[in-house]
C-alpha atoms as a PDB file:
ATOM      1  CA  MET A   1      -5.981  -6.535  17.112  1.00  0.00           C
ATOM      2  CA  ILE A   2      -3.948  -6.851  14.017  1.00  0.00           C
ATOM      3  CA  SER A   3      -2.586 -10.449  14.779  1.00  0.00           C
ATOM      4  CA  LYS A   4      -5.827 -11.890  13.996  1.00  0.00           C
ATOM      5  CA  ILE A   5      -6.085 -10.992  10.715  1.00  0.00           C
ATOM      6  CA  ARG A   6      -4.514 -14.090   8.944  1.00  0.00           C
ATOM      7  CA  LYS A   7      -7.144 -16.334  10.025  1.00  0.00           C
ATOM      8  CA  LEU A   8     -10.317 -14.363   9.017  1.00  0.00           C
ATOM      9  CA  ASN A   9     -12.351 -15.305   5.870  1.00  0.00           C
ATOM     10  CA  LYS A  10     -13.300 -12.318   3.949  1.00  0.00           C
ATOM     11  CA  ASP A  11     -16.498 -11.062   5.326  1.00  0.00           C
ATOM     12  CA  GLU A  12     -14.741 -11.540   8.618  1.00  0.00           C
ATOM     13  CA  LEU A  13     -11.760  -9.148   7.244  1.00  0.00           C
ATOM     14  CA  TYR A  14     -14.337  -6.808   5.812  1.00  0.00           C
ATOM     15  CA  ASN A  15     -15.823  -6.599   8.774  1.00  0.00           C
ATOM     16  CA  TRP A  16     -12.465  -5.993  11.103  1.00  0.00           C
ATOM     17  CA  LEU A  17     -11.577  -3.213   8.769  1.00  0.00           C
ATOM     18  CA  LYS A  18     -14.791  -1.665   8.737  1.00  0.00           C
ATOM     19  CA  ASN A  19     -15.596  -1.798  12.827  1.00  0.00           C
ATOM     20  CA  GLU A  20     -12.435  -2.436  14.259  1.00  0.00           C
ATOM     21  CA  ALA A  21      -8.936  -1.547  12.577  1.00  0.00           C
ATOM     22  CA  GLY A  22      -9.926   2.342  12.562  1.00  0.00           C
ATOM     23  CA  VAL A  23      -9.092   4.796   9.866  1.00  0.00           C
ATOM     24  CA  ASN A  24      -7.057   8.464  10.205  1.00  0.00           C
ATOM     25  CA  ASN A  25     -10.349  10.125   9.039  1.00  0.00           C
ATOM     26  CA  GLY A  26     -13.478   8.261   9.446  1.00  0.00           C
ATOM     27  CA  ASN A  27     -16.046  10.796   7.751  1.00  0.00           C
ATOM     28  CA  HIS A  28     -13.866  10.960   4.609  1.00  0.00           C
ATOM     29  CA  PHE A  29     -12.823   6.669   4.195  1.00  0.00           C
ATOM     30  CA  GLY A  30     -16.219   5.322   5.872  1.00  0.00           C
ATOM     31  CA  ALA A  31     -15.009   3.602   8.739  1.00  0.00           C
ATOM     32  CA  TYR A  32     -14.794   4.541  12.404  1.00  0.00           C
ATOM     33  CA  GLU A  33     -11.955   6.406  14.160  1.00  0.00           C
ATOM     34  CA  GLY A  34      -8.976   4.922  15.567  1.00  0.00           C
ATOM     35  CA  GLY A  35      -6.444   2.190  16.134  1.00  0.00           C
ATOM     36  CA  ILE A  36      -4.367   1.453  12.900  1.00  0.00           C
ATOM     37  CA  GLU A  37      -4.868   4.761  10.995  1.00  0.00           C
ATOM     38  CA  LEU A  38      -5.687   3.467   7.444  1.00  0.00           C
ATOM     39  CA  GLN A  39      -6.192   5.395   4.306  1.00  0.00           C
ATOM     40  CA  GLN A  40      -8.359   2.876   2.523  1.00  0.00           C
ATOM     41  CA  ILE A  41     -11.970   2.577   2.097  1.00  0.00           C
ATOM     42  CA  PRO A  42     -12.944  -0.990   3.755  1.00  0.00           C
ATOM     43  CA  GLU A  43     -15.013  -1.956   0.463  1.00  0.00           C
ATOM     44  CA  GLU A  44     -12.155  -1.246  -1.886  1.00  0.00           C
ATOM     45  CA  TYR A  45      -9.337  -2.801   0.741  1.00  0.00           C
ATOM     46  CA  VAL A  46     -10.612  -6.002   1.789  1.00  0.00           C
ATOM     47  CA  GLU A  47     -10.180  -6.726  -2.026  1.00  0.00           C
ATOM     48  CA  TYR A  48      -6.768  -5.739  -2.161  1.00  0.00           C
ATOM     49  CA  LEU A  49      -5.894  -7.500   1.059  1.00  0.00           C
ATOM     50  CA  THR A  50      -7.733 -10.803  -0.473  1.00  0.00           C
ATOM     51  CA  PHE A  51      -5.779 -10.557  -3.400  1.00  0.00           C
ATOM     52  CA  LEU A  52      -2.382 -10.263  -1.751  1.00  0.00           C
ATOM     53  CA  ARG A  53      -3.173 -13.445   0.631  1.00  0.00           C
ATOM     54  CA  ASN A  54      -3.969 -15.454  -2.116  1.00  0.00           C
ATOM     55  CA  LYS A  55      -1.109 -14.785  -4.792  1.00  0.00           C
ATOM     56  CA  LYS A  56       1.592 -15.743  -2.148  1.00  0.00           C
ATOM     57  CA  PHE A  57       4.263 -13.263  -3.271  1.00  0.00           C
ATOM     58  CA  ASN A  58       8.000 -13.323  -1.814  1.00  0.00           C
ATOM     59  CA  SER A  59       8.889  -9.671  -1.978  1.00  0.00           C
ATOM     60  CA  TYR A  60       6.738  -6.462  -1.588  1.00  0.00           C
ATOM     61  CA  MET A  61       7.330  -2.657  -1.555  1.00  0.00           C
ATOM     62  CA  ASN A  62       5.525   0.466  -0.631  1.00  0.00           C
ATOM     63  CA  VAL A  63       6.459   3.862  -1.938  1.00  0.00           C
ATOM     64  CA  GLY A  64       4.301   6.241   0.692  1.00  0.00           C
ATOM     65  CA  ILE A  65       3.511   4.329   3.980  1.00  0.00           C
ATOM     66  CA  GLY A  66       1.748   7.183   6.009  1.00  0.00           C
ATOM     67  CA  ASN A  67       2.118   6.064   9.321  1.00  0.00           C
ATOM     68  CA  CYS A  68       2.585   2.696   8.283  1.00  0.00           C
ATOM     69  CA  GLY A  69      -0.558   1.319   9.290  1.00  0.00           C
ATOM     70  CA  SER A  70      -1.488  -0.249   5.557  1.00  0.00           C
ATOM     71  CA  PHE A  71       2.021  -1.375   5.269  1.00  0.00           C
ATOM     72  CA  MET A  72       1.994  -3.158   8.536  1.00  0.00           C
ATOM     73  CA  THR A  73      -1.648  -4.684   7.453  1.00  0.00           C
ATOM     74  CA  GLU A  74      -0.372  -5.629   4.130  1.00  0.00           C
ATOM     75  CA  VAL A  75       3.125  -7.527   4.490  1.00  0.00           C
ATOM     76  CA  TYR A  76       1.351  -9.232   7.541  1.00  0.00           C
ATOM     77  CA  ILE A  77      -1.570 -10.649   5.739  1.00  0.00           C
ATOM     78  CA  GLN A  78       0.915 -11.927   3.220  1.00  0.00           C
ATOM     79  CA  GLU A  79       1.586 -15.432   5.034  1.00  0.00           C
ATOM     80  CA  GLY A  80       4.983 -16.799   3.379  1.00  0.00           C
ATOM     81  CA  LEU A  81       6.375 -13.132   2.792  1.00  0.00           C
ATOM     82  CA  LYS A  82      10.153 -12.964   2.894  1.00  0.00           C
ATOM     83  CA  ARG A  83      11.182  -9.264   1.857  1.00  0.00           C
ATOM     84  CA  ALA A  84       8.982  -6.178   2.283  1.00  0.00           C
ATOM     85  CA  VAL A  85      10.524  -2.625   2.017  1.00  0.00           C
ATOM     86  CA  ALA A  86       8.751   0.792   2.422  1.00  0.00           C
ATOM     87  CA  VAL A  87      10.119   4.479   1.142  1.00  0.00           C
ATOM     88  CA  ASP A  88       8.786   7.465   2.459  1.00  0.00           C
ATOM     89  CA  ASN A  89      10.603  10.592   3.312  1.00  0.00           C
ATOM     90  CA  THR A  90       9.210  11.467   6.689  1.00  0.00           C
ATOM     91  CA  SER A  91      10.573  15.260   6.608  1.00  0.00           C
ATOM     92  CA  TYR A  92       7.518  16.452   4.956  1.00  0.00           C
ATOM     93  CA  GLY A  93       5.429  15.619   8.059  1.00  0.00           C
ATOM     94  CA  GLN A  94       2.010  16.103   6.908  1.00  0.00           C
ATOM     95  CA  PHE A  95       1.046  12.709   6.905  1.00  0.00           C
ATOM     96  CA  THR A  96       3.730  11.048   9.199  1.00  0.00           C
ATOM     97  CA  ASN A  97       4.516  10.429  12.940  1.00  0.00           C
ATOM     98  CA  MET A  98       8.146   8.816  13.461  1.00  0.00           C
ATOM     99  CA  GLU A  99       7.175   7.699  16.679  1.00  0.00           C
ATOM    100  CA  ARG A 100       4.020   5.268  15.494  1.00  0.00           C
ATOM    101  CA  ILE A 101       5.917   4.673  12.260  1.00  0.00           C
ATOM    102  CA  ASN A 102       9.252   2.884  14.450  1.00  0.00           C
ATOM    103  CA  GLU A 103       6.357   1.113  16.989  1.00  0.00           C
ATOM    104  CA  ARG A 104       4.867  -0.251  13.867  1.00  0.00           C
ATOM    105  CA  PHE A 105       8.022  -1.404  12.144  1.00  0.00           C
ATOM    106  CA  GLN A 106       8.801  -3.014  15.424  1.00  0.00           C
ATOM    107  CA  TRP A 107       5.701  -4.560  15.495  1.00  0.00           C
ATOM    108  CA  ILE A 108       6.036  -6.145  12.029  1.00  0.00           C
ATOM    109  CA  ARG A 109       9.837  -7.649  13.518  1.00  0.00           C
ATOM    110  CA  ASP A 110       8.497  -8.845  16.007  1.00  0.00           C
ATOM    111  CA  ASN A 111       5.511 -10.700  14.803  1.00  0.00           C
ATOM    112  CA  THR A 112       6.966 -12.028  11.348  1.00  0.00           C
ATOM    113  CA  ASP A 113      10.038 -13.510   9.819  1.00  0.00           C
ATOM    114  CA  LEU A 114      10.545 -10.721   7.075  1.00  0.00           C
ATOM    115  CA  SER A 115      13.453  -9.208   5.858  1.00  0.00           C
ATOM    116  CA  LEU A 116      12.164  -5.510   6.485  1.00  0.00           C
ATOM    117  CA  ASP A 117      14.242  -2.202   5.505  1.00  0.00           C
ATOM    118  CA  PHE A 118      12.632   1.444   5.784  1.00  0.00           C
ATOM    119  CA  TYR A 119      14.059   3.879   3.368  1.00  0.00           C
ATOM    120  CA  ASN A 120      13.320   7.454   5.100  1.00  0.00           C
ATOM    121  CA  MET A 121      13.882   9.661   1.635  1.00  0.00           C
ATOM    122  CA  ASP A 122      12.137  10.749  -1.579  1.00  0.00           C
ATOM    123  CA  SER A 123      12.024   7.488  -3.821  1.00  0.00           C
ATOM    124  CA  ILE A 124      13.876   9.315  -6.520  1.00  0.00           C
ATOM    125  CA  ASP A 125      16.696   9.125  -4.410  1.00  0.00           C
ATOM    126  CA  TYR A 126      16.010   5.469  -3.529  1.00  0.00           C
ATOM    127  CA  TYR A 127      15.541   4.369  -6.973  1.00  0.00           C
ATOM    128  CA  LYS A 128      19.233   5.836  -7.522  1.00  0.00           C
ATOM    129  CA  ASN A 129      20.666   3.815  -5.338  1.00  0.00           C
ATOM    130  CA  ASN A 130      18.866   0.544  -5.021  1.00  0.00           C
ATOM    131  CA  ASN A 131      18.508  -1.794  -7.502  1.00  0.00           C
ATOM    132  CA  GLU A 132      16.764  -4.669  -5.706  1.00  0.00           C
ATOM    133  CA  LYS A 133      13.807  -6.316  -7.700  1.00  0.00           C
ATOM    134  CA  PHE A 134      10.212  -7.163  -6.337  1.00  0.00           C
ATOM    135  CA  ASP A 135       7.156  -9.242  -7.057  1.00  0.00           C
ATOM    136  CA  ILE A 136       4.430  -6.314  -6.206  1.00  0.00           C
ATOM    137  CA  ILE A 137       5.281  -2.713  -5.506  1.00  0.00           C
ATOM    138  CA  PHE A 138       2.093  -0.123  -4.284  1.00  0.00           C
ATOM    139  CA  ILE A 139       2.633   3.331  -5.187  1.00  0.00           C
ATOM    140  CA  ASP A 140       1.217   5.821  -2.662  1.00  0.00           C
ATOM    141  CA  GLY A 141       3.533   8.767  -2.707  1.00  0.00           C
ATOM    142  CA  ASP A 142       3.654  11.889  -5.184  1.00  0.00           C
ATOM    143  CA  HIS A 143      -0.218  12.044  -6.161  1.00  0.00           C
ATOM    144  CA  SER A 144       0.767  14.455  -8.838  1.00  0.00           C
ATOM    145  CA  TYR A 145       0.655  13.288 -12.477  1.00  0.00           C
ATOM    146  CA  GLU A 146       4.673  14.093 -13.183  1.00  0.00           C
ATOM    147  CA  GLY A 147       5.349  12.421  -9.679  1.00  0.00           C
ATOM    148  CA  VAL A 148       2.925   9.244  -9.827  1.00  0.00           C
ATOM    149  CA  LYS A 149       4.293   8.690 -13.378  1.00  0.00           C
ATOM    150  CA  LEU A 150       8.138   8.845 -12.403  1.00  0.00           C
ATOM    151  CA  ASP A 151       7.203   6.574  -9.634  1.00  0.00           C
ATOM    152  CA  TYR A 152       5.443   4.019 -12.133  1.00  0.00           C
ATOM    153  CA  GLU A 153       8.528   4.296 -14.440  1.00  0.00           C
ATOM    154  CA  ASN A 154      11.095   3.884 -12.077  1.00  0.00           C
ATOM    155  CA  CYS A 155       9.249   0.693 -10.532  1.00  0.00           C
ATOM    156  CA  LEU A 156       9.144  -0.948 -13.987  1.00  0.00           C
ATOM    157  CA  LEU A 157      13.012  -1.143 -13.634  1.00  0.00           C
ATOM    158  CA  ILE A 158      12.953  -3.136 -10.273  1.00  0.00           C
ATOM    159  CA  LEU A 159       9.986  -4.896 -11.173  1.00  0.00           C
ATOM    160  CA  ASN A 160      10.495  -8.763 -11.231  1.00  0.00           C
ATOM    161  CA  ASP A 161       9.127 -10.674 -14.470  1.00  0.00           C
ATOM    162  CA  ASP A 162       5.261 -11.258 -13.997  1.00  0.00           C
ATOM    163  CA  GLY A 163       5.324  -8.547 -11.347  1.00  0.00           C
ATOM    164  CA  TYR A 164       2.596  -6.250 -10.489  1.00  0.00           C
ATOM    165  CA  ILE A 165       2.366  -2.460  -9.947  1.00  0.00           C
ATOM    166  CA  VAL A 166      -0.671  -1.180  -7.808  1.00  0.00           C
ATOM    167  CA  LEU A 167      -1.658   2.564  -7.753  1.00  0.00           C
ATOM    168  CA  HIS A 168      -3.821   4.091  -4.686  1.00  0.00           C
ATOM    169  CA  GLU A 169      -5.993   6.938  -5.593  1.00  0.00           C
ATOM    170  CA  ILE A 170      -7.307   5.963  -9.503  1.00  0.00           C
ATOM    171  CA  ASN A 171     -10.866   7.067  -8.647  1.00  0.00           C
ATOM    172  CA  SER A 172      -9.776  10.138  -6.224  1.00  0.00           C
ATOM    173  CA  ILE A 173     -11.471  13.436  -7.515  1.00  0.00           C
ATOM    174  CA  ALA A 174      -8.357  15.166  -5.147  1.00  0.00           C
ATOM    175  CA  CYS A 175      -6.043  13.061  -7.363  1.00  0.00           C
ATOM    176  CA  PRO A 176      -6.272  13.717 -11.085  1.00  0.00           C
ATOM    177  CA  GLY A 177      -3.002  13.053 -12.028  1.00  0.00           C
ATOM    178  CA  VAL A 178      -3.238   9.718 -10.597  1.00  0.00           C
ATOM    179  CA  ILE A 179      -6.500   9.183 -12.517  1.00  0.00           C
ATOM    180  CA  ARG A 180      -4.752  10.111 -15.690  1.00  0.00           C
ATOM    181  CA  LEU A 181      -1.431   8.243 -15.149  1.00  0.00           C
ATOM    182  CA  TRP A 182      -3.884   4.805 -14.431  1.00  0.00           C
ATOM    183  CA  ASN A 183      -6.407   5.318 -17.534  1.00  0.00           C
ATOM    184  CA  GLU A 184      -3.014   5.829 -19.525  1.00  0.00           C
ATOM    185  CA  ILE A 185      -1.658   2.571 -18.656  1.00  0.00           C
ATOM    186  CA  LYS A 186      -4.187  -0.262 -17.421  1.00  0.00           C
ATOM    187  CA  ASN A 187      -5.400  -3.009 -19.841  1.00  0.00           C
ATOM    188  CA  GLU A 188      -7.328  -5.840 -20.106  1.00  0.00           C
ATOM    189  CA  ASN A 189      -5.191  -7.291 -17.448  1.00  0.00           C
ATOM    190  CA  SER A 190      -5.540  -4.646 -15.080  1.00  0.00           C
ATOM    191  CA  LEU A 191      -7.920  -4.721 -11.718  1.00  0.00           C
ATOM    192  CA  GLU A 192      -9.548  -2.250 -10.225  1.00  0.00           C
ATOM    193  CA  PHE A 193     -11.418  -2.069  -6.883  1.00  0.00           C
ATOM    194  CA  ILE A 194     -13.598   1.145  -6.698  1.00  0.00           C
ATOM    195  CA  LYS A 195     -16.232   2.081  -4.131  1.00  0.00           C
ATOM    196  CA  SER A 196     -16.434   5.651  -4.167  1.00  0.00           C
ATOM    197  CA  ASN A 197     -14.482   8.951  -5.892  1.00  0.00           C
ATOM    198  CA  ASN A 198     -12.647   9.425  -2.693  1.00  0.00           C
ATOM    199  CA  CYS A 199      -9.764   6.225  -3.498  1.00  0.00           C
ATOM    200  CA  GLY A 200      -9.671   3.620  -5.558  1.00  0.00           C
ATOM    201  CA  ILE A 201      -7.287   0.322  -5.777  1.00  0.00           C
ATOM    202  CA  GLY A 202      -5.598  -0.480  -9.457  1.00  0.00           C
ATOM    203  CA  ILE A 203      -3.639  -3.570 -10.231  1.00  0.00           C
ATOM    204  CA  TRP A 204      -1.337  -3.284 -13.206  1.00  0.00           C
ATOM    205  CA  LYS A 205       0.415  -6.514 -14.273  1.00  0.00           C
ATOM    206  CA  LYS A 206       3.420  -6.427 -16.339  1.00  0.00           C
END
């Protein structure tokens, strides 16, 4: 099902997100249940996926992947992407299932030429032991103000020149800490994709 998304135009991609891809909570995210278990608002996410597809990044990192549905979608839609890294501590267990994560990572390996790694650890431990740099980093881990700020500050150190940092939940009433940080860091170069008070995606340019 996901293998067709590279060929879809923006309207077709939105319809795929809304009607086929599936989310882990249809009542909350506003799309049908099932499939890839996205934790995204389709109207916001189609804008982000379009941004990724148009930019032609070489390297991509995601902090916090849930069951890997969004990560799988994001890296696959980026034709020409060479390197992708995911960091998440699955021992917390609330939003993660290792069997599904492993299946989706294997799908990525089978269907792309990406250099791909998954670090099953807290992001703070990753930063201590890795200094690889990335063109764009998506932060969707600890949603407290202290946690997301620490991720943001550490990601600045491993961001390539002209790189981008992306925050999820920038308009979520359940994540006031993320809202606070986004309002502190956003500038005239920032992009916001906001449809409701459940999520929101913010893109900050270095």
